[in-house]
Amino acid sequence: MMQRITELPKLAVRAADSHKGMFGRVLVVGGSVGFSGAVAMAARSALRSGAGLVCAAAPESVLPIVAALDPCYTTAALNEDANGQISMQAVNSVLQLAKENDVTAFGPGAGTGPGVSESLSILLNESELKLVIDADGLNVLAANGGVGGWHTRKKAQCILTPHPGEMQRLWNSVFRDAMPSDREQCAVQFAQKTEAIIVLKGNRTVVTDSEKVYTNISGNPGMATGGSGDVLTGVIAALIGQGLSLFDAAVLGVYVHGRAGDLAADEFGQVSLIATDIIEKLPAAFKSLR
């Protein structure tokens, strides 16, 4: 029987002698020419969500832009291809960086080139890794589904955060049957098939590991704006780094993200709301949990 979650998970109170190493090392891999803001927003939102240390890894030509957008995270330059995306020569660097951190967020603004695809494929095969896969990371998975695809050889612990369009592409790559119109049924079946935690975004975002399910109650239509999903990716990754299970981090992450969006809409209105407004309201959203 499906267990319905209604109570939000809680972060532990920070001890007086806490230090940055106690609250997680988060790696964000992504960015490409023209899409430097995505990886920067994910990294910045991870910082605002309590991560002790955050590193943004991006193709070398866009790294100066990423670094300039916030001085509080570190950066790592990755080899890039002719399209300004992560190249095949960067695969080993991505793997080493992932092993040095507690959780890796993969995909914001990355593109879908061969180097991006191979990097994600290698990460998925590492059983000790925790991955939050979003945006172009999901598009790479959709292009590598089917019999013998990524879900049959996955060893890493994964959260997938698709919006409805990405969910349709993922579904078509794994199942032959039509995708259910019921959002909860769709997310549960996909979680069961892939042994991943699914965050199916949208109005009343659904979070499930196929045995437990949470339907989110926060958020508003103003959050339907570019970059909002990148912010959510950073929030969830930061909560994993602070010790929450992947499922609990996803549940609390989508609520806090939606709560920050509601606070931003209260101040700026839904029409004018942009993704960086959500980041700026994350402190108030976390404070409201108390």
Protein backbone atom coordinates (compact mmCIF):
# COMPACT_ATOMS: atom_id res chain seq x y z
CA MET A 1 0.00 0.00 0.00
CA MET A 2 1.30 3.45 -0.91
CA GLN A 3 2.40 5.55 2.06
CA ARG A 4 1.27 9.16 1.71
CA ILE A 5 3.62 11.68 3.28
CA THR A 6 2.09 14.82 4.76
CA GLU A 7 4.64 15.87 7.40
CA LEU A 8 7.72 17.72 6.20
CA PRO A 9 11.18 16.34 7.07
CA LYS A 10 13.28 18.48 9.41
CA LEU A 11 16.88 19.57 9.31
CA ALA A 12 18.84 19.06 12.51
CA VAL A 13 19.59 22.12 14.63
CA ARG A 14 23.15 23.26 14.04
CA ALA A 15 25.54 22.81 16.95
CA ALA A 16 27.45 25.78 18.30
CA ASP A 17 30.78 24.25 17.24
CA SER A 18 29.67 23.54 13.67
CA HIS A 19 32.00 24.09 10.72
CA LYS A 20 31.46 24.18 6.95
CA GLY A 21 32.64 20.61 6.48
CA MET A 22 29.64 19.36 8.44
CA PHE A 23 27.00 20.63 6.03
CA GLY A 24 27.91 18.96 2.80
CA ARG A 25 30.10 19.41 -0.23
CA VAL A 26 27.92 20.00 -3.30
CA LEU A 27 29.15 19.79 -6.88
CA VAL A 28 27.09 21.34 -9.68
CA VAL A 29 28.05 20.21 -13.19
CA GLY A 30 26.60 22.06 -16.14
CA GLY A 31 26.69 25.25 -18.13
CA SER A 32 27.67 25.81 -21.76
CA VAL A 33 28.07 28.74 -24.09
CA GLY A 34 24.87 30.77 -23.80
CA PHE A 35 23.71 28.92 -20.68
CA SER A 36 26.14 29.97 -17.98
CA GLY A 37 23.38 31.26 -15.70
CA ALA A 38 21.82 27.85 -15.14
CA VAL A 39 24.77 26.29 -13.34
CA ALA A 40 25.36 29.52 -11.40
CA MET A 41 21.78 29.66 -10.14
CA ALA A 42 21.87 26.02 -9.05
CA ALA A 43 25.13 26.63 -7.18
CA ARG A 44 23.89 29.83 -5.57
CA SER A 45 20.64 28.21 -4.45
CA ALA A 46 22.64 25.34 -2.91
CA LEU A 47 24.53 27.90 -0.84
CA ARG A 48 21.31 29.63 0.22
CA SER A 49 19.93 26.22 1.22
CA GLY A 50 22.68 25.55 3.72
CA ALA A 51 25.40 23.66 1.87
CA GLY A 52 28.77 24.09 3.56
CA LEU A 53 30.81 24.09 0.36
CA VAL A 54 29.68 24.37 -3.26
CA CYS A 55 31.70 23.94 -6.44
CA ALA A 56 30.40 24.88 -9.89
CA ALA A 57 32.08 22.90 -12.69
CA ALA A 58 31.58 24.28 -16.20
CA PRO A 59 33.28 24.50 -19.61
CA GLU A 60 36.38 26.68 -19.40
CA SER A 61 35.14 29.45 -21.71
CA VAL A 62 32.03 30.18 -19.59
CA LEU A 63 33.72 29.70 -16.23
CA PRO A 64 34.66 33.38 -15.79
CA ILE A 65 30.98 34.30 -16.12
CA VAL A 66 29.93 31.61 -13.66
CA ALA A 67 32.60 32.68 -11.17
CA ALA A 68 31.61 36.34 -11.43
CA LEU A 69 27.96 35.66 -10.58
CA ASP A 70 28.72 34.72 -6.95
CA PRO A 71 32.00 34.81 -4.98
CA CYS A 72 30.81 32.29 -2.40
CA TYR A 73 31.16 29.09 -4.42
CA THR A 74 34.37 27.72 -5.93
CA THR A 75 34.67 26.78 -9.58
CA ALA A 76 36.31 24.09 -11.71
CA ALA A 77 37.11 24.48 -15.40
CA LEU A 78 36.24 21.56 -17.70
CA ASN A 79 37.54 20.87 -21.19
CA GLU A 80 34.99 21.85 -23.81
CA ASP A 81 34.06 20.88 -27.36
CA ALA A 82 33.50 23.07 -30.42
CA ASN A 83 29.94 23.83 -29.24
CA GLY A 84 31.06 25.16 -25.86
CA GLN A 85 29.82 22.09 -24.00
CA ILE A 86 31.65 19.61 -21.76
CA SER A 87 33.95 17.53 -23.98
CA MET A 88 34.91 13.88 -23.91
CA GLN A 89 38.28 14.94 -22.48
CA ALA A 90 36.51 16.24 -19.37
CA VAL A 91 34.92 12.92 -18.36
CA ASN A 92 37.66 11.85 -15.94
CA SER A 93 37.72 15.30 -14.33
CA VAL A 94 33.96 15.20 -13.77
CA LEU A 95 34.21 11.77 -12.15
CA GLN A 96 37.06 12.84 -9.87
CA LEU A 97 35.19 15.98 -8.79
CA ALA A 98 32.05 13.94 -8.06
CA LYS A 99 34.02 11.54 -5.87
CA GLU A 100 35.41 14.48 -3.90
CA ASN A 101 31.94 15.80 -3.05
CA ASP A 102 28.96 14.43 -1.13
CA VAL A 103 26.37 15.01 -3.85
CA THR A 104 26.45 16.01 -7.51
CA ALA A 105 23.79 18.05 -9.30
CA PHE A 106 24.10 17.37 -13.02
CA GLY A 107 22.56 19.00 -16.04
CA PRO A 108 21.62 22.69 -15.68
CA GLY A 109 22.53 24.36 -18.96
CA ALA A 110 24.89 21.54 -19.95
CA GLY A 111 23.62 20.73 -23.44
CA THR A 112 23.42 17.18 -24.75
CA GLY A 113 26.72 16.69 -26.56
CA PRO A 114 28.84 13.51 -26.44
CA GLY A 115 30.95 14.70 -23.51
CA VAL A 116 27.87 15.53 -21.43
CA SER A 117 26.32 12.15 -22.24
CA GLU A 118 29.48 10.19 -21.46
CA SER A 119 30.09 12.10 -18.22
CA LEU A 120 26.62 11.28 -16.94
CA SER A 121 26.91 7.65 -18.06
CA ILE A 122 30.13 7.26 -16.06
CA LEU A 123 28.61 8.89 -12.97
CA LEU A 124 25.56 6.62 -13.10
CA ASN A 125 27.83 3.57 -12.88
CA GLU A 126 29.38 4.66 -9.56
CA SER A 127 27.50 3.06 -6.67
CA GLU A 128 28.83 5.45 -4.01
CA LEU A 129 27.56 8.58 -5.74
CA LYS A 130 24.42 10.59 -5.03
CA LEU A 131 23.06 12.42 -8.07
CA VAL A 132 20.38 15.02 -8.66
CA ILE A 133 19.72 14.98 -12.42
CA ASP A 134 17.85 17.83 -14.08
CA ALA A 135 17.42 19.69 -17.36
CA ASP A 136 19.85 18.51 -20.06
CA GLY A 137 20.86 15.62 -17.82
CA LEU A 138 17.30 14.32 -18.22
CA ASN A 139 17.41 14.88 -21.98
CA VAL A 140 20.59 12.80 -22.14
CA LEU A 141 18.85 10.00 -20.21
CA ALA A 142 15.86 10.12 -22.56
CA ALA A 143 18.19 9.66 -25.50
CA ASN A 144 19.79 6.62 -23.84
CA GLY A 145 16.76 4.67 -22.63
CA GLY A 146 15.21 1.46 -23.87
CA VAL A 147 16.45 -2.11 -23.44
CA GLY A 148 19.97 -2.06 -22.04
CA GLY A 149 19.61 1.65 -21.33
CA TRP A 150 20.72 3.72 -18.37
CA HIS A 151 18.10 2.45 -15.93
CA THR A 152 19.22 -1.18 -16.33
CA ARG A 153 22.83 -0.44 -15.38
CA LYS A 154 22.41 2.44 -12.93
CA LYS A 155 24.29 2.01 -9.65
CA ALA A 156 24.28 5.55 -8.26
CA GLN A 157 21.50 6.83 -5.99
CA CYS A 158 19.47 9.24 -8.13
CA ILE A 159 16.80 11.91 -7.99
CA LEU A 160 15.28 12.89 -11.34
CA THR A 161 13.44 16.22 -11.50
CA PRO A 162 11.52 16.35 -14.81
CA HIS A 163 8.88 18.84 -15.84
CA PRO A 164 5.97 17.29 -17.81
CA GLY A 165 7.68 17.57 -21.19
CA GLU A 166 10.87 15.96 -19.90
CA MET A 167 8.79 13.27 -18.21
CA GLN A 168 7.12 12.43 -21.51
CA ARG A 169 10.50 12.02 -23.22
CA LEU A 170 11.84 9.90 -20.38
CA TRP A 171 8.72 7.75 -20.37
CA ASN A 172 8.89 7.13 -24.11
CA SER A 173 12.51 6.05 -23.79
CA VAL A 174 11.76 3.39 -21.16
CA PHE A 175 8.16 2.21 -21.67
CA ARG A 176 6.25 1.05 -24.73
CA ASP A 177 2.88 1.82 -23.17
CA ALA A 178 1.41 5.31 -23.29
CA MET A 179 2.26 7.56 -20.35
CA PRO A 180 -0.60 7.72 -17.79
CA SER A 181 -2.45 11.01 -17.64
CA ASP A 182 -2.56 10.76 -13.84
CA ARG A 183 0.59 12.49 -12.59
CA GLU A 184 0.95 10.42 -9.45
CA GLN A 185 0.52 7.15 -11.29
CA CYS A 186 3.05 8.24 -13.87
CA ALA A 187 5.67 9.21 -11.29
CA VAL A 188 5.17 6.07 -9.21
CA GLN A 189 5.48 3.74 -12.20
CA PHE A 190 8.58 5.49 -13.45
CA ALA A 191 10.19 5.43 -10.00
CA GLN A 192 9.49 1.72 -9.72
CA LYS A 193 10.89 0.99 -13.18
CA THR A 194 14.08 3.00 -12.73
CA GLU A 195 14.65 2.61 -8.98
CA ALA A 196 15.09 6.37 -8.76
CA ILE A 197 13.29 9.06 -6.81
CA ILE A 198 11.08 11.07 -9.12
CA VAL A 199 10.19 14.73 -8.65
CA LEU A 200 7.51 15.37 -11.25
CA LYS A 201 7.34 19.15 -11.32
CA GLY A 202 4.31 21.32 -12.00
CA ASN A 203 1.17 22.31 -10.14
CA ARG A 204 1.23 20.13 -7.00
CA THR A 205 4.62 18.58 -7.67
CA VAL A 206 4.72 14.83 -6.97
CA VAL A 207 7.67 13.23 -5.16
CA THR A 208 7.89 9.44 -4.96
CA ASP A 209 10.25 6.51 -4.53
CA SER A 210 7.43 4.16 -5.67
CA GLU A 211 6.56 3.23 -2.06
CA LYS A 212 6.05 6.66 -0.53
CA VAL A 213 4.45 9.65 -2.24
CA TYR A 214 4.27 13.34 -1.37
CA THR A 215 2.15 15.93 -3.17
CA ASN A 216 3.42 19.46 -2.70
CA ILE A 217 1.14 22.26 -1.56
CA SER A 218 3.41 25.31 -2.01
CA GLY A 219 4.18 27.28 -5.15
CA ASN A 220 2.32 29.38 -7.71
CA PRO A 221 2.08 29.96 -11.50
CA GLY A 222 4.59 32.82 -11.32
CA MET A 223 7.29 30.19 -10.85
CA ALA A 224 6.80 29.04 -14.45
CA THR A 225 9.86 30.99 -15.53
CA GLY A 226 13.30 30.10 -16.88
CA GLY A 227 15.74 29.02 -14.19
CA SER A 228 13.18 28.01 -11.57
CA GLY A 229 14.07 24.35 -12.01
CA ASP A 230 17.78 25.10 -11.66
CA VAL A 231 17.04 26.68 -8.30
CA LEU A 232 15.16 23.57 -7.15
CA THR A 233 18.08 21.37 -8.19
CA GLY A 234 20.43 23.35 -5.96
CA VAL A 235 18.04 23.28 -3.01
CA ILE A 236 17.61 19.50 -3.13
CA ALA A 237 21.35 18.88 -3.53
CA ALA A 238 22.12 21.06 -0.52
CA LEU A 239 19.64 19.18 1.67
CA ILE A 240 21.20 15.85 0.70
CA GLY A 241 24.59 17.28 1.64
CA GLN A 242 23.23 18.16 5.07
CA GLY A 243 22.34 14.56 5.76
CA LEU A 244 18.74 14.10 4.65
CA SER A 245 17.87 10.96 2.73
CA LEU A 246 17.29 11.51 -0.96
CA PHE A 247 13.54 11.15 -0.58
CA ASP A 248 13.35 13.52 2.41
CA ALA A 249 15.59 16.04 0.65
CA ALA A 250 13.30 15.98 -2.39
CA VAL A 251 10.17 16.45 -0.25
CA LEU A 252 11.56 19.31 1.82
CA GLY A 253 13.25 20.79 -1.24
CA VAL A 254 10.12 21.11 -3.34
CA TYR A 255 8.19 22.58 -0.41
CA VAL A 256 10.84 25.19 0.45
CA HIS A 257 11.30 26.04 -3.23
CA GLY A 258 7.55 26.58 -3.58
CA ARG A 259 7.40 28.54 -0.33
CA ALA A 260 10.18 30.84 -1.55
CA GLY A 261 8.25 31.29 -4.78
CA ASP A 262 5.13 32.22 -2.84
CA LEU A 263 7.06 34.81 -0.81
CA ALA A 264 8.56 36.20 -4.02
CA ALA A 265 5.11 36.42 -5.63
CA ASP A 266 3.80 38.28 -2.59
CA GLU A 267 6.48 40.93 -3.09
CA PHE A 268 6.88 41.13 -6.86
CA GLY A 269 3.68 39.60 -8.20
CA GLN A 270 3.41 36.46 -10.29
CA VAL A 271 3.86 38.24 -13.62
CA SER A 272 7.21 39.81 -12.70
CA LEU A 273 8.65 36.90 -10.72
CA ILE A 274 12.03 35.58 -11.95
CA ALA A 275 14.20 32.71 -10.76
CA THR A 276 16.67 34.85 -8.85
CA ASP A 277 13.74 36.20 -6.81
CA ILE A 278 13.14 32.64 -5.62
CA ILE A 279 16.78 32.34 -4.53
CA GLU A 280 16.59 35.60 -2.59
CA LYS A 281 13.50 34.38 -0.72
CA LEU A 282 15.04 31.03 0.29
CA PRO A 283 16.29 32.40 3.65
CA ALA A 284 12.79 33.51 4.60
CA ALA A 285 11.36 30.21 3.39
CA PHE A 286 13.70 28.23 5.60
CA LYS A 287 13.03 30.53 8.55
CA SER A 288 9.30 29.95 8.11
CA LEU A 289 9.83 26.23 8.78
CA ARG A 290 10.56 27.07 12.41
